[in-house]
Amino acid sequence: MPCPCCGGRIGRLPSLPHALGQSVSQIRFRKMHGLGNDFIIIDARVQLVDALTPDVIAAVSDRQRGIGGDQVVVLESAMRSDADVFMRIYNPDGRECEACGNATRCVGALMLAETGRDRVAIQTVAGMLYAWRQGTHYAVDMGVPQTQWDAIPLAQATDTLHVDVALGPLADPVATSMGNPHVTFFVPDLAAIDMTALGAPLERHPMFPQRANIGVAQVLASDRLRLRVWERGPGLTLACGTGSCAALVAAHRRGLTDRRATVELDGGALVIEWLDNGRVESTGPVSYAFEGVFETADYVVQREALAVA
């Protein structure tokens, strides 16, 4: 069944060196996004990606000089027999990260189109995730949130419902791991918070040895949150899937919301549910932007020139 949002254009890419006669320094990609949280998706199952170094990842992620994106996603053959694909995620600085809810939905849409099945399994460094269609949207099982201080991780033993971190108007966050570390601050008026000024220093607070994604949420109702997220690496994004999951978990742990809520982000809305079995599901749209080929050598030269400058 073709993807309803992409007009059937998101099946598996051809094997590039054979199908298109490209050199090993050329890499084909797709650009997709979930609520404006955008990704450069590269299928390493059908092409060589040895030239995709951290410097190249950083260069192609650059919105002024490259393709531009919040993260680069690389698809590899699954290492487990019960998985359909292995997904790696890289931040714009070239560092690998553990999880991304919106990227998982995009990859889920790709794999559902490729396999023709109703449900697919995606292997990641953070564990197994699952995706399926939900009407014209896509749902993903993001796994079980971790709320123990050493699993998030935090730098010292602390109550994760009340973490001793504060900056300006932000204080007393809840810490959660959705495969990656999050803290969620609750405020009465989200519009009054300068995320750009506060996000970067909080991301690197000594309490977070692996840095952290910084969410700021306003509770609108027992089933509705307004959220903005400063992501570890990309900075302020239009939407954050794992951040939305973490915010719902944090809000419910604080007694502020039900176990299911709509999370309003700058790029649109996700429906998040913390099931009774402990797992968290996220549902939202997926959009296809374009696809193309880039020459890695061009970006190597560009990075070297910037380093000299």
C-alpha atoms as a PDB file:
ATOM      1  CA  MET A   1       0.000   0.000   0.000  1.00  0.00           C
ATOM      2  CA  PRO A   2       1.492   3.372  -0.992  1.00  0.00           C
ATOM      3  CA  CYS A   3       2.212   5.879   1.742  1.00  0.00           C
ATOM      4  CA  PRO A   4      -0.819   8.242   1.900  1.00  0.00           C
ATOM      5  CA  CYS A   5       1.331  11.302   2.626  1.00  0.00           C
ATOM      6  CA  CYS A   6       4.067  10.657   0.073  1.00  0.00           C
ATOM      7  CA  GLY A   7       2.186   9.444  -2.989  1.00  0.00           C
ATOM      8  CA  GLY A   8       3.947   6.093  -2.965  1.00  0.00           C
ATOM      9  CA  ARG A   9       7.401   7.676  -3.337  1.00  0.00           C
ATOM     10  CA  ILE A  10       8.952   6.214  -0.215  1.00  0.00           C
ATOM     11  CA  GLY A  11       9.666   2.627  -1.168  1.00  0.00           C
ATOM     12  CA  ARG A  12      13.206   1.287  -1.071  1.00  0.00           C
ATOM     13  CA  LEU A  13      15.845   3.200  -3.042  1.00  0.00           C
ATOM     14  CA  PRO A  14      17.636   1.440  -5.900  1.00  0.00           C
ATOM     15  CA  SER A  15      21.189   0.188  -5.407  1.00  0.00           C
ATOM     16  CA  LEU A  16      22.991   3.335  -6.469  1.00  0.00           C
ATOM     17  CA  PRO A  17      26.365   2.192  -7.790  1.00  0.00           C
ATOM     18  CA  HIS A  18      24.651  -0.292 -10.114  1.00  0.00           C
ATOM     19  CA  ALA A  19      21.389   1.473 -10.881  1.00  0.00           C
ATOM     20  CA  LEU A  20      22.657   5.007 -11.398  1.00  0.00           C
ATOM     21  CA  GLY A  21      26.370   4.599 -12.080  1.00  0.00           C
ATOM     22  CA  GLN A  22      27.387   6.799  -9.166  1.00  0.00           C
ATOM     23  CA  SER A  23      30.764   6.742  -7.486  1.00  0.00           C
ATOM     24  CA  VAL A  24      31.243   5.580  -3.901  1.00  0.00           C
ATOM     25  CA  SER A  25      31.664   9.220  -2.843  1.00  0.00           C
ATOM     26  CA  GLN A  26      28.128   9.990  -3.991  1.00  0.00           C
ATOM     27  CA  ILE A  27      25.303   9.279  -1.571  1.00  0.00           C
ATOM     28  CA  ARG A  28      21.616   9.305  -2.318  1.00  0.00           C
ATOM     29  CA  PHE A  29      19.212  10.535   0.347  1.00  0.00           C
ATOM     30  CA  ARG A  30      15.614  11.309   1.107  1.00  0.00           C
ATOM     31  CA  LYS A  31      14.463  14.371   3.017  1.00  0.00           C
ATOM     32  CA  MET A  32      11.472  13.727   5.273  1.00  0.00           C
ATOM     33  CA  HIS A  33       9.996  15.387   8.322  1.00  0.00           C
ATOM     34  CA  GLY A  34       7.541  14.922  11.141  1.00  0.00           C
ATOM     35  CA  LEU A  35       5.888  18.230  12.065  1.00  0.00           C
ATOM     36  CA  GLY A  36       8.882  20.130  10.669  1.00  0.00           C
ATOM     37  CA  ASN A  37      11.445  18.073  12.609  1.00  0.00           C
ATOM     38  CA  ASP A  38      13.407  17.185   9.476  1.00  0.00           C
ATOM     39  CA  PHE A  39      15.803  14.406   8.559  1.00  0.00           C
ATOM     40  CA  ILE A  40      18.272  13.462   5.856  1.00  0.00           C
ATOM     41  CA  ILE A  41      17.619   9.732   5.487  1.00  0.00           C
ATOM     42  CA  ILE A  42      20.313   7.559   3.906  1.00  0.00           C
ATOM     43  CA  ASP A  43      19.789   3.882   3.088  1.00  0.00           C
ATOM     44  CA  ALA A  44      23.119   2.118   3.653  1.00  0.00           C
ATOM     45  CA  ARG A  45      21.560  -1.230   2.732  1.00  0.00           C
ATOM     46  CA  VAL A  46      21.701  -0.357  -0.970  1.00  0.00           C
ATOM     47  CA  GLN A  47      24.767   1.882  -1.283  1.00  0.00           C
ATOM     48  CA  LEU A  48      28.225   2.346   0.169  1.00  0.00           C
ATOM     49  CA  VAL A  49      28.430   5.059   2.825  1.00  0.00           C
ATOM     50  CA  ASP A  50      32.055   4.729   3.961  1.00  0.00           C
ATOM     51  CA  ALA A  51      32.606   8.383   3.041  1.00  0.00           C
ATOM     52  CA  LEU A  52      29.871   9.511   5.457  1.00  0.00           C
ATOM     53  CA  THR A  53      32.201  10.773   8.196  1.00  0.00           C
ATOM     54  CA  PRO A  54      31.177  12.957  11.166  1.00  0.00           C
ATOM     55  CA  ASP A  55      32.508  16.007   9.298  1.00  0.00           C
ATOM     56  CA  VAL A  56      30.388  15.186   6.249  1.00  0.00           C
ATOM     57  CA  ILE A  57      27.325  14.635   8.451  1.00  0.00           C
ATOM     58  CA  ALA A  58      27.889  18.043  10.056  1.00  0.00           C
ATOM     59  CA  ALA A  59      28.341  19.690   6.655  1.00  0.00           C
ATOM     60  CA  VAL A  60      25.242  18.229   4.988  1.00  0.00           C
ATOM     61  CA  SER A  61      23.172  19.122   8.083  1.00  0.00           C
ATOM     62  CA  ASP A  62      24.149  22.798   7.750  1.00  0.00           C
ATOM     63  CA  ARG A  63      21.067  24.753   6.631  1.00  0.00           C
ATOM     64  CA  GLN A  64      23.091  27.521   4.969  1.00  0.00           C
ATOM     65  CA  ARG A  65      25.791  25.459   3.234  1.00  0.00           C
ATOM     66  CA  GLY A  66      24.317  21.959   3.006  1.00  0.00           C
ATOM     67  CA  ILE A  67      21.065  20.080   2.555  1.00  0.00           C
ATOM     68  CA  GLY A  68      19.955  21.078   6.023  1.00  0.00           C
ATOM     69  CA  GLY A  69      18.313  18.966   8.683  1.00  0.00           C
ATOM     70  CA  ASP A  70      17.873  18.387  12.383  1.00  0.00           C
ATOM     71  CA  GLN A  71      19.466  14.936  12.131  1.00  0.00           C
ATOM     72  CA  VAL A  72      20.947  12.446   9.676  1.00  0.00           C
ATOM     73  CA  VAL A  73      19.367   8.984   9.783  1.00  0.00           C
ATOM     74  CA  VAL A  74      21.226   5.973   8.371  1.00  0.00           C
ATOM     75  CA  LEU A  75      19.402   2.710   7.660  1.00  0.00           C
ATOM     76  CA  GLU A  76      21.394  -0.512   7.947  1.00  0.00           C
ATOM     77  CA  SER A  77      20.554  -4.195   7.759  1.00  0.00           C
ATOM     78  CA  ALA A  78      19.034  -5.404  11.019  1.00  0.00           C
ATOM     79  CA  MET A  79      21.233  -7.378  13.392  1.00  0.00           C
ATOM     80  CA  ARG A  80      18.264  -9.291  14.791  1.00  0.00           C
ATOM     81  CA  SER A  81      16.007 -11.701  12.925  1.00  0.00           C
ATOM     82  CA  ASP A  82      12.888 -10.102  14.411  1.00  0.00           C
ATOM     83  CA  ALA A  83      13.781  -6.598  13.156  1.00  0.00           C
ATOM     84  CA  ASP A  84      13.168  -5.133   9.701  1.00  0.00           C
ATOM     85  CA  VAL A  85      15.937  -2.540   9.758  1.00  0.00           C
ATOM     86  CA  PHE A  86      18.582  -0.977  12.007  1.00  0.00           C
ATOM     87  CA  MET A  87      18.296   2.801  12.387  1.00  0.00           C
ATOM     88  CA  ARG A  88      21.221   5.033  13.391  1.00  0.00           C
ATOM     89  CA  ILE A  89      20.695   8.699  14.204  1.00  0.00           C
ATOM     90  CA  TYR A  90      23.326  11.442  14.059  1.00  0.00           C
ATOM     91  CA  ASN A  91      23.040  14.964  15.409  1.00  0.00           C
ATOM     92  CA  PRO A  92      24.245  17.939  13.302  1.00  0.00           C
ATOM     93  CA  ASP A  93      27.590  17.867  15.096  1.00  0.00           C
ATOM     94  CA  GLY A  94      28.200  14.360  13.707  1.00  0.00           C
ATOM     95  CA  ARG A  95      27.709  12.593  17.035  1.00  0.00           C
ATOM     96  CA  GLU A  96      25.490   9.526  17.183  1.00  0.00           C
ATOM     97  CA  CYS A  97      22.455   9.766  19.456  1.00  0.00           C
ATOM     98  CA  GLU A  98      20.144   7.123  20.823  1.00  0.00           C
ATOM     99  CA  ALA A  99      16.555   7.905  19.864  1.00  0.00           C
ATOM    100  CA  CYS A 100      14.217  10.208  17.961  1.00  0.00           C
ATOM    101  CA  GLY A 101      10.453   9.758  17.852  1.00  0.00           C
ATOM    102  CA  ASN A 102       9.799  11.763  14.693  1.00  0.00           C
ATOM    103  CA  ALA A 103      12.637  10.006  12.848  1.00  0.00           C
ATOM    104  CA  THR A 104      11.208   6.663  13.950  1.00  0.00           C
ATOM    105  CA  ARG A 105       7.842   7.594  12.419  1.00  0.00           C
ATOM    106  CA  CYS A 106       9.530   8.572   9.148  1.00  0.00           C
ATOM    107  CA  VAL A 107      11.534   5.347   9.021  1.00  0.00           C
ATOM    108  CA  GLY A 108       8.427   3.419  10.019  1.00  0.00           C
ATOM    109  CA  ALA A 109       6.583   4.893   7.028  1.00  0.00           C
ATOM    110  CA  LEU A 110       9.457   3.871   4.743  1.00  0.00           C
ATOM    111  CA  MET A 111       9.561   0.319   6.063  1.00  0.00           C
ATOM    112  CA  LEU A 112       5.788  -0.126   5.978  1.00  0.00           C
ATOM    113  CA  ALA A 113       5.815   0.936   2.319  1.00  0.00           C
ATOM    114  CA  GLU A 114       8.784  -1.321   1.571  1.00  0.00           C
ATOM    115  CA  THR A 115       7.475  -4.453   3.284  1.00  0.00           C
ATOM    116  CA  GLY A 116       3.759  -4.034   2.662  1.00  0.00           C
ATOM    117  CA  ARG A 117       3.091  -5.190   6.207  1.00  0.00           C
ATOM    118  CA  ASP A 118       0.831  -3.671   8.855  1.00  0.00           C
ATOM    119  CA  ARG A 119       3.561  -3.385  11.502  1.00  0.00           C
ATOM    120  CA  VAL A 120       7.362  -3.154  11.365  1.00  0.00           C
ATOM    121  CA  ALA A 121      10.160  -3.505  13.912  1.00  0.00           C
ATOM    122  CA  ILE A 122      13.012  -0.988  13.989  1.00  0.00           C
ATOM    123  CA  GLN A 123      16.223  -1.848  15.816  1.00  0.00           C
ATOM    124  CA  THR A 124      18.133   1.055  17.408  1.00  0.00           C
ATOM    125  CA  VAL A 125      20.998   1.490  19.848  1.00  0.00           C
ATOM    126  CA  ALA A 126      18.316   2.229  22.470  1.00  0.00           C
ATOM    127  CA  GLY A 127      16.360  -0.974  21.783  1.00  0.00           C
ATOM    128  CA  MET A 128      13.535  -2.243  19.585  1.00  0.00           C
ATOM    129  CA  LEU A 129      10.836   0.163  18.419  1.00  0.00           C
ATOM    130  CA  TYR A 130       7.672  -0.613  16.455  1.00  0.00           C
ATOM    131  CA  ALA A 131       5.636   1.346  13.911  1.00  0.00           C
ATOM    132  CA  TRP A 132       2.257   0.960  12.224  1.00  0.00           C
ATOM    133  CA  ARG A 133      -0.309   3.014  10.318  1.00  0.00           C
ATOM    134  CA  GLN A 134      -3.010   4.827  12.234  1.00  0.00           C
ATOM    135  CA  GLY A 135      -5.386   6.134   9.566  1.00  0.00           C
ATOM    136  CA  THR A 136      -3.427   8.734   7.583  1.00  0.00           C
ATOM    137  CA  HIS A 137      -0.907   9.066  10.419  1.00  0.00           C
ATOM    138  CA  TYR A 138       1.733   6.761  11.836  1.00  0.00           C
ATOM    139  CA  ALA A 139       2.103   5.418  15.351  1.00  0.00           C
ATOM    140  CA  VAL A 140       5.277   4.244  17.041  1.00  0.00           C
ATOM    141  CA  ASP A 141       5.860   2.245  20.199  1.00  0.00           C
ATOM    142  CA  MET A 142       8.716   4.154  21.830  1.00  0.00           C
ATOM    143  CA  GLY A 143       9.305   1.621  24.591  1.00  0.00           C
ATOM    144  CA  VAL A 144       9.328   1.956  28.371  1.00  0.00           C
ATOM    145  CA  PRO A 145      10.530   5.260  29.871  1.00  0.00           C
ATOM    146  CA  GLN A 146      13.298   5.122  32.452  1.00  0.00           C
ATOM    147  CA  THR A 147      12.860   7.236  35.560  1.00  0.00           C
ATOM    148  CA  GLN A 148      15.774   6.062  37.720  1.00  0.00           C
ATOM    149  CA  TRP A 149      18.494   8.705  38.086  1.00  0.00           C
ATOM    150  CA  ASP A 150      21.327   6.414  36.940  1.00  0.00           C
ATOM    151  CA  ALA A 151      19.414   5.172  33.877  1.00  0.00           C
ATOM    152  CA  ILE A 152      18.763   8.659  32.494  1.00  0.00           C
ATOM    153  CA  PRO A 153      21.618   9.343  33.488  1.00  0.00           C
ATOM    154  CA  LEU A 154      22.044  12.108  36.046  1.00  0.00           C
ATOM    155  CA  ALA A 155      25.363  12.970  37.646  1.00  0.00           C
ATOM    156  CA  GLN A 156      24.243  12.057  41.149  1.00  0.00           C
ATOM    157  CA  ALA A 157      21.481  10.232  42.994  1.00  0.00           C
ATOM    158  CA  THR A 158      18.391  12.417  43.092  1.00  0.00           C
ATOM    159  CA  ASP A 159      14.600  12.315  43.002  1.00  0.00           C
ATOM    160  CA  THR A 160      13.868  12.455  39.267  1.00  0.00           C
ATOM    161  CA  LEU A 161      10.474  14.054  39.969  1.00  0.00           C
ATOM    162  CA  HIS A 162      12.259  17.079  41.435  1.00  0.00           C
ATOM    163  CA  VAL A 163      15.723  17.588  39.965  1.00  0.00           C
ATOM    164  CA  ASP A 164      17.861  20.307  41.534  1.00  0.00           C
ATOM    165  CA  VAL A 165      18.480  22.279  38.341  1.00  0.00           C
ATOM    166  CA  ALA A 166      17.449  25.890  37.800  1.00  0.00           C
ATOM    167  CA  LEU A 167      18.200  28.783  35.467  1.00  0.00           C
ATOM    168  CA  GLY A 168      16.286  32.042  35.335  1.00  0.00           C
ATOM    169  CA  PRO A 169      12.532  31.340  35.418  1.00  0.00           C
ATOM    170  CA  LEU A 170      13.048  27.573  34.996  1.00  0.00           C
ATOM    171  CA  ALA A 171      13.390  25.297  38.027  1.00  0.00           C
ATOM    172  CA  ASP A 172      12.433  21.912  39.499  1.00  0.00           C
ATOM    173  CA  PRO A 173      12.269  19.788  36.315  1.00  0.00           C
ATOM    174  CA  VAL A 174      11.346  16.122  35.934  1.00  0.00           C
ATOM    175  CA  ALA A 175      13.991  13.843  34.409  1.00  0.00           C
ATOM    176  CA  THR A 176      13.088  10.997  32.055  1.00  0.00           C
ATOM    177  CA  SER A 177      14.877   8.794  29.559  1.00  0.00           C
ATOM    178  CA  MET A 178      13.126   7.739  26.361  1.00  0.00           C
ATOM    179  CA  GLY A 179      16.332   6.065  25.228  1.00  0.00           C
ATOM    180  CA  ASN A 180      17.873   9.540  25.402  1.00  0.00           C
ATOM    181  CA  PRO A 181      17.992  11.946  28.374  1.00  0.00           C
ATOM    182  CA  HIS A 182      15.235  14.527  28.849  1.00  0.00           C
ATOM    183  CA  VAL A 183      14.278  17.018  31.515  1.00  0.00           C
ATOM    184  CA  THR A 184      10.897  18.742  31.462  1.00  0.00           C
ATOM    185  CA  PHE A 185      10.201  22.064  33.178  1.00  0.00           C
ATOM    186  CA  PHE A 186       6.579  23.089  33.814  1.00  0.00           C
ATOM    187  CA  VAL A 187       5.655  26.759  33.538  1.00  0.00           C
ATOM    188  CA  PRO A 188       2.402  28.768  33.632  1.00  0.00           C
ATOM    189  CA  ASP A 189       3.169  30.681  30.417  1.00  0.00           C
ATOM    190  CA  LEU A 190       5.366  29.006  27.813  1.00  0.00           C
ATOM    191  CA  ALA A 191       5.303  32.076  25.559  1.00  0.00           C
ATOM    192  CA  ALA A 192       7.271  34.003  28.194  1.00  0.00           C
ATOM    193  CA  ILE A 193      10.235  31.592  28.093  1.00  0.00           C
ATOM    194  CA  ASP A 194      13.269  32.395  25.928  1.00  0.00           C
ATOM    195  CA  MET A 195      14.209  28.874  24.832  1.00  0.00           C
ATOM    196  CA  THR A 196      17.238  29.978  22.833  1.00  0.00           C
ATOM    197  CA  ALA A 197      18.825  31.779  25.779  1.00  0.00           C
ATOM    198  CA  LEU A 198      18.072  29.047  28.319  1.00  0.00           C
ATOM    199  CA  GLY A 199      18.290  25.856  26.280  1.00  0.00           C
ATOM    200  CA  ALA A 200      22.003  25.782  25.471  1.00  0.00           C
ATOM    201  CA  PRO A 201      23.353  26.271  29.020  1.00  0.00           C
ATOM    202  CA  LEU A 202      20.793  23.867  30.493  1.00  0.00           C
ATOM    203  CA  GLU A 203      21.681  21.206  27.914  1.00  0.00           C
ATOM    204  CA  ARG A 204      25.247  21.252  29.256  1.00  0.00           C
ATOM    205  CA  HIS A 205      24.416  21.537  32.962  1.00  0.00           C
ATOM    206  CA  PRO A 206      26.781  19.474  35.162  1.00  0.00           C
ATOM    207  CA  MET A 207      23.814  17.363  36.299  1.00  0.00           C
ATOM    208  CA  PHE A 208      23.671  15.841  32.799  1.00  0.00           C
ATOM    209  CA  PRO A 209      26.881  13.896  32.049  1.00  0.00           C
ATOM    210  CA  GLN A 210      25.665  13.040  28.531  1.00  0.00           C
ATOM    211  CA  ARG A 211      23.985  16.430  28.072  1.00  0.00           C
ATOM    212  CA  ALA A 212      20.178  16.525  27.937  1.00  0.00           C
ATOM    213  CA  ASN A 213      17.201  17.514  25.831  1.00  0.00           C
ATOM    214  CA  ILE A 214      15.455  20.439  27.514  1.00  0.00           C
ATOM    215  CA  GLY A 215      11.660  20.551  27.387  1.00  0.00           C
ATOM    216  CA  VAL A 216       9.484  23.366  28.695  1.00  0.00           C
ATOM    217  CA  ALA A 217       5.783  22.555  28.995  1.00  0.00           C
ATOM    218  CA  GLN A 218       2.581  24.363  29.861  1.00  0.00           C
ATOM    219  CA  VAL A 219      -0.371  22.247  30.993  1.00  0.00           C
ATOM    220  CA  LEU A 220      -3.475  23.392  29.109  1.00  0.00           C
ATOM    221  CA  ALA A 221      -5.824  20.649  30.338  1.00  0.00           C
ATOM    222  CA  SER A 222      -5.679  17.138  31.735  1.00  0.00           C
ATOM    223  CA  ASP A 223      -5.411  15.880  28.158  1.00  0.00           C
ATOM    224  CA  ARG A 224      -3.424  18.677  26.510  1.00  0.00           C
ATOM    225  CA  LEU A 225       0.101  20.116  26.812  1.00  0.00           C
ATOM    226  CA  ARG A 226       1.951  22.891  25.019  1.00  0.00           C
ATOM    227  CA  LEU A 227       5.641  22.046  24.605  1.00  0.00           C
ATOM    228  CA  ARG A 228       8.868  23.428  23.182  1.00  0.00           C
ATOM    229  CA  VAL A 229      12.109  21.454  23.184  1.00  0.00           C
ATOM    230  CA  TRP A 230      15.745  22.469  22.946  1.00  0.00           C
ATOM    231  CA  GLU A 231      17.258  19.280  21.555  1.00  0.00           C
ATOM    232  CA  ARG A 232      20.697  18.036  22.485  1.00  0.00           C
ATOM    233  CA  GLY A 233      22.663  18.854  19.329  1.00  0.00           C
ATOM    234  CA  PRO A 234      20.143  20.443  16.922  1.00  0.00           C
ATOM    235  CA  GLY A 235      18.985  23.105  19.379  1.00  0.00           C
ATOM    236  CA  LEU A 236      15.427  24.439  19.202  1.00  0.00           C
ATOM    237  CA  THR A 237      13.322  22.326  16.824  1.00  0.00           C
ATOM    238  CA  LEU A 238       9.761  22.578  15.548  1.00  0.00           C
ATOM    239  CA  ALA A 239       8.878  19.250  17.155  1.00  0.00           C
ATOM    240  CA  CYS A 240      10.464  16.529  19.278  1.00  0.00           C
ATOM    241  CA  GLY A 241       8.881  13.084  19.489  1.00  0.00           C
ATOM    242  CA  THR A 242      10.865  11.706  22.417  1.00  0.00           C
ATOM    243  CA  GLY A 243      10.526  15.077  24.145  1.00  0.00           C
ATOM    244  CA  SER A 244       6.748  14.842  23.788  1.00  0.00           C
ATOM    245  CA  CYS A 245       6.795  11.337  25.261  1.00  0.00           C
ATOM    246  CA  ALA A 246       8.993  12.503  28.137  1.00  0.00           C
ATOM    247  CA  ALA A 247       6.731  15.506  28.786  1.00  0.00           C
ATOM    248  CA  LEU A 248       3.605  13.341  29.000  1.00  0.00           C
ATOM    249  CA  VAL A 249       5.333  10.875  31.327  1.00  0.00           C
ATOM    250  CA  ALA A 250       6.627  13.726  33.495  1.00  0.00           C
ATOM    251  CA  ALA A 251       3.241  15.455  33.609  1.00  0.00           C
ATOM    252  CA  HIS A 252       1.407  12.279  34.582  1.00  0.00           C
ATOM    253  CA  ARG A 253       3.994  11.437  37.256  1.00  0.00           C
ATOM    254  CA  ARG A 254       3.405  14.900  38.709  1.00  0.00           C
ATOM    255  CA  GLY A 255      -0.372  14.350  38.629  1.00  0.00           C
ATOM    256  CA  LEU A 256      -0.876  17.110  36.060  1.00  0.00           C
ATOM    257  CA  THR A 257      -2.400  15.098  33.188  1.00  0.00           C
ATOM    258  CA  ASP A 258      -4.041  11.825  32.279  1.00  0.00           C
ATOM    259  CA  ARG A 259      -2.010   9.006  30.692  1.00  0.00           C
ATOM    260  CA  ARG A 260      -3.045  10.183  27.205  1.00  0.00           C
ATOM    261  CA  ALA A 261      -2.700  13.728  25.926  1.00  0.00           C
ATOM    262  CA  THR A 262      -2.312  15.814  22.807  1.00  0.00           C
ATOM    263  CA  VAL A 263       1.036  17.599  22.828  1.00  0.00           C
ATOM    264  CA  GLU A 264       1.034  20.872  20.895  1.00  0.00           C
ATOM    265  CA  LEU A 265       4.428  21.782  19.390  1.00  0.00           C
ATOM    266  CA  ASP A 266       5.546  24.624  17.150  1.00  0.00           C
ATOM    267  CA  GLY A 267       5.250  22.320  14.121  1.00  0.00           C
ATOM    268  CA  GLY A 268       1.919  20.691  14.990  1.00  0.00           C
ATOM    269  CA  ALA A 269       0.479  18.124  17.380  1.00  0.00           C
ATOM    270  CA  LEU A 270       1.304  14.592  18.500  1.00  0.00           C
ATOM    271  CA  VAL A 271      -0.923  12.259  20.486  1.00  0.00           C
ATOM    272  CA  ILE A 272       1.051  10.570  23.271  1.00  0.00           C
ATOM    273  CA  GLU A 273      -0.206   7.725  25.450  1.00  0.00           C
ATOM    274  CA  TRP A 274       1.549   6.048  28.375  1.00  0.00           C
ATOM    275  CA  LEU A 275      -0.042   2.623  28.363  1.00  0.00           C
ATOM    276  CA  ASP A 276      -0.834   0.590  31.458  1.00  0.00           C
ATOM    277  CA  ASN A 277       1.868  -1.902  30.404  1.00  0.00           C
ATOM    278  CA  GLY A 278       4.449   0.866  30.816  1.00  0.00           C
ATOM    279  CA  ARG A 279       5.167   1.498  27.134  1.00  0.00           C
ATOM    280  CA  VAL A 280       4.681   4.868  25.441  1.00  0.00           C
ATOM    281  CA  GLU A 281       3.032   5.323  22.044  1.00  0.00           C
ATOM    282  CA  SER A 282       3.302   8.413  19.843  1.00  0.00           C
ATOM    283  CA  THR A 283       1.030   9.143  16.873  1.00  0.00           C
ATOM    284  CA  GLY A 284       1.438  11.859  14.259  1.00  0.00           C
ATOM    285  CA  PRO A 285       2.005  12.693  10.588  1.00  0.00           C
ATOM    286  CA  VAL A 286       4.934  12.013   8.280  1.00  0.00           C
ATOM    287  CA  SER A 287       5.824  14.134   5.248  1.00  0.00           C
ATOM    288  CA  TYR A 288       8.095  13.538   2.263  1.00  0.00           C
ATOM    289  CA  ALA A 289      10.036  16.592   1.041  1.00  0.00           C
ATOM    290  CA  PHE A 290      12.443  15.533  -1.724  1.00  0.00           C
ATOM    291  CA  GLU A 291      15.304  13.222  -2.604  1.00  0.00           C
ATOM    292  CA  GLY A 292      18.650  13.653  -4.306  1.00  0.00           C
ATOM    293  CA  VAL A 293      22.332  12.797  -4.454  1.00  0.00           C
ATOM    294  CA  PHE A 294      25.220  14.617  -2.783  1.00  0.00           C
ATOM    295  CA  GLU A 295      28.961  14.383  -3.361  1.00  0.00           C
ATOM    296  CA  THR A 296      30.793  13.794  -0.086  1.00  0.00           C
ATOM    297  CA  ALA A 297      34.064  15.187  -1.458  1.00  0.00           C
ATOM    298  CA  ASP A 298      32.443  18.613  -1.868  1.00  0.00           C
ATOM    299  CA  TYR A 299      31.576  18.703   1.818  1.00  0.00           C
ATOM    300  CA  VAL A 300      35.034  17.552   2.899  1.00  0.00           C
ATOM    301  CA  VAL A 301      36.555  20.496   1.007  1.00  0.00           C
ATOM    302  CA  GLN A 302      33.967  22.835   2.520  1.00  0.00           C
ATOM    303  CA  ARG A 303      34.697  21.718   6.094  1.00  0.00           C
ATOM    304  CA  GLU A 304      38.439  22.064   5.550  1.00  0.00           C
ATOM    305  CA  ALA A 305      37.956  25.587   4.202  1.00  0.00           C
ATOM    306  CA  LEU A 306      35.810  26.570   7.190  1.00  0.00           C
ATOM    307  CA  ALA A 307      38.391  25.124   9.593  1.00  0.00           C
ATOM    308  CA  VAL A 308      41.146  27.225   8.016  1.00  0.00           C
ATOM    309  CA  ALA A 309      38.983  30.342   8.067  1.00  0.00           C
END
